Protein backbone atom coordinates (compact mmCIF):
# COMPACT_ATOMS: atom_id res chain seq x y z
CA UNK A 1 160.82 -78.44 33.94
CA UNK A 2 158.15 -81.50 33.22
CA UNK A 3 156.46 -81.74 29.98
CA UNK A 4 152.79 -82.31 29.30
CA UNK A 5 150.66 -82.83 26.00
CA UNK A 6 146.97 -81.62 26.14
CA UNK A 7 144.25 -81.79 23.80
CA UNK A 8 141.21 -79.65 23.34
CA UNK A 9 137.90 -79.49 21.06
CA UNK A 10 135.71 -76.76 20.16
CA UNK A 11 134.15 -74.72 17.29
CA UNK A 12 132.71 -71.94 15.70
CA UNK A 13 129.13 -71.83 16.87
CA UNK A 14 127.31 -69.76 14.40
CA UNK A 15 123.49 -68.93 13.37
CA UNK A 16 121.44 -66.91 11.07
CA UNK A 17 120.48 -63.84 12.38
CA UNK A 18 116.90 -62.38 11.37
CA UNK A 19 118.22 -60.67 8.15
CA UNK A 20 119.67 -64.15 7.19
CA UNK A 21 123.16 -62.51 7.88
CA UNK A 22 125.77 -65.24 9.40
CA UNK A 23 126.50 -64.53 13.37
CA UNK A 24 129.35 -66.36 15.30
CA UNK A 25 129.40 -66.70 19.16
CA UNK A 26 132.43 -65.45 21.04
CA UNK A 27 133.38 -65.91 24.78
CA UNK A 28 135.14 -63.02 26.77
CA UNK A 29 137.42 -63.50 29.87
CA UNK A 30 138.91 -60.56 31.93
CA UNK A 31 142.09 -60.98 33.12
CA UNK A 32 142.39 -61.94 36.57
CA UNK A 33 143.69 -64.51 39.15
CA UNK A 34 142.82 -67.62 36.82
CA UNK A 35 143.47 -65.98 33.29
CA UNK A 36 146.46 -63.70 32.43
CA UNK A 37 144.77 -62.05 29.53
CA UNK A 38 141.87 -60.10 28.53
CA UNK A 39 140.79 -62.05 25.57
CA UNK A 40 137.66 -62.94 23.25
CA UNK A 41 137.95 -66.62 22.04
CA UNK A 42 136.01 -69.48 20.78
CA UNK A 43 134.36 -71.93 22.86
CA UNK A 44 136.35 -74.96 23.65
CA UNK A 45 137.93 -77.37 26.30
CA UNK A 46 139.91 -80.34 27.41
CA UNK A 47 139.05 -83.61 25.52
CA UNK A 48 138.29 -85.88 28.27
CA UNK A 49 139.36 -89.74 28.45
CA UNK A 50 137.51 -92.17 25.77
CA UNK A 51 135.57 -88.95 24.27
CA UNK A 52 135.89 -88.06 20.61
CA UNK A 53 136.94 -84.85 19.47
CA UNK A 54 133.34 -84.15 18.16
CA UNK A 55 131.95 -85.13 21.27
CA UNK A 56 134.22 -82.93 23.23
CA UNK A 57 133.75 -79.88 21.07
CA UNK A 58 129.66 -80.56 21.54
CA UNK A 59 129.76 -80.80 25.01
CA UNK A 60 132.10 -78.01 25.61
CA UNK A 61 130.01 -75.69 23.74
CA UNK A 62 127.20 -76.67 25.64
CA UNK A 63 129.12 -76.12 29.04
CA UNK A 64 130.61 -72.96 28.05
CA UNK A 65 127.92 -71.35 25.86
CA UNK A 66 124.48 -72.94 26.99
CA UNK A 67 123.54 -73.71 23.23
CA UNK A 68 123.08 -77.20 21.84
CA UNK A 69 124.75 -77.59 18.71
CA UNK A 70 125.16 -79.99 15.72
CA UNK A 71 128.72 -80.28 14.89
CA UNK A 72 129.77 -80.25 11.44
CA UNK A 73 132.85 -80.37 9.14
CA UNK A 74 136.36 -80.32 10.71
CA UNK A 75 137.92 -76.63 10.21
CA UNK A 76 141.16 -77.35 11.32
CA UNK A 77 143.70 -77.59 14.37
CA UNK A 78 146.07 -75.00 16.12
CA UNK A 79 149.21 -75.89 18.32
CA UNK A 80 150.22 -73.75 21.11
CA UNK A 81 153.01 -73.82 24.09
CA UNK A 82 152.70 -72.44 27.14
CA UNK A 83 153.82 -72.44 31.01
CA UNK A 84 152.06 -73.22 34.01
CA UNK A 85 153.55 -74.00 37.48
CA UNK A 86 156.90 -74.91 36.17
CA UNK A 87 155.41 -77.06 33.35
CA UNK A 88 155.62 -76.93 29.54
CA UNK A 89 151.96 -77.45 28.32
CA UNK A 90 152.16 -78.37 24.27
CA UNK A 91 148.28 -78.15 23.55
CA UNK A 92 146.59 -79.15 20.27
CA UNK A 93 143.00 -77.94 19.84
CA UNK A 94 140.55 -79.03 17.11
CA UNK A 95 138.02 -76.90 15.45
CA UNK A 96 134.57 -77.63 13.84
CA UNK A 97 131.72 -75.97 12.06
CA UNK A 98 129.26 -75.78 14.62
CA UNK A 99 125.23 -74.93 13.99
CA UNK A 100 123.26 -73.92 16.79
CA UNK A 101 120.08 -76.12 17.71
CA UNK A 102 118.60 -74.28 20.50
CA UNK A 103 119.57 -72.46 23.72
CA UNK A 104 119.45 -74.98 26.48
CA UNK A 105 121.02 -73.31 29.54
CA UNK A 106 123.18 -70.70 30.84
CA UNK A 107 126.74 -69.80 29.67
CA UNK A 108 129.65 -70.73 31.61
CA UNK A 109 130.77 -68.28 34.93
CA UNK A 110 134.18 -68.51 33.80
CA UNK A 111 133.31 -65.58 30.98
CA UNK A 112 132.10 -62.51 31.78
CA UNK A 113 130.25 -61.80 28.21
CA UNK A 114 128.97 -63.97 25.64
CA UNK A 115 128.10 -62.06 22.23
CA UNK A 116 126.89 -62.91 18.74
CA UNK A 117 128.91 -61.06 16.32
CA UNK A 118 129.35 -60.87 12.49
CA UNK A 119 131.99 -62.80 10.79
CA UNK A 120 134.56 -59.78 10.11
CA UNK A 121 133.65 -58.59 13.51
CA UNK A 122 134.51 -61.77 15.13
CA UNK A 123 138.09 -61.97 13.61
CA UNK A 124 138.89 -58.28 14.26
CA UNK A 125 137.83 -58.96 18.15
CA UNK A 126 139.78 -62.13 18.34
CA UNK A 127 143.13 -61.18 16.72
CA UNK A 128 143.77 -58.39 18.73
CA UNK A 129 144.30 -60.07 21.85
CA UNK A 130 146.91 -61.89 23.11
CA UNK A 131 146.02 -65.78 23.64
CA UNK A 132 147.76 -68.96 22.81
CA UNK A 133 145.90 -70.06 19.57
CA UNK A 134 145.57 -67.75 16.74
CA UNK A 135 141.49 -68.30 16.29
CA UNK A 136 141.61 -65.68 13.79
CA UNK A 137 142.85 -68.66 11.46
CA UNK A 138 139.92 -70.71 11.96
CA UNK A 139 137.40 -67.99 11.40
CA UNK A 140 138.94 -66.85 8.27
CA UNK A 141 138.80 -70.90 7.20
CA UNK A 142 135.23 -70.91 8.21
CA UNK A 143 134.26 -67.59 6.41
CA UNK A 144 135.94 -69.10 3.07
CA UNK A 145 134.22 -72.42 3.50
CA UNK A 146 130.87 -70.97 4.50
CA UNK A 147 130.99 -68.42 1.56
CA UNK A 148 131.68 -70.84 -1.31
CA UNK A 149 128.66 -73.03 0.02
CA UNK A 150 126.32 -70.31 0.28
């Protein structure tokens, strides 16, 4: 079996709602031909050749969510391993704190729902779905960092 390395970047996209509470943006994808799980997850995608991690996070977030963001502090990396067509993929995903600047487009059609939720709700939604990266770890770190800076 062939072994490949893959690197992605994304982030916790956040804003303050009208009540001043922090909300984060989650993406939902249903189980289907191209995706074998029903899951909520954070926006992210593959780092392209000659692209920085922060640059990839910014581009992928805009492509997937339709929001332009300011990429801030590094929150951590998650590693995962999975199989695809007789290949073993070793993936590392880098996550950043990403504050929204403005809505500039529509979300990617690869997701059937894009939803703003509170941090506790985001952790709950992400932690119950069987995805490769345990993104609740990143959300918990974001919550700790944000709470200490407020």
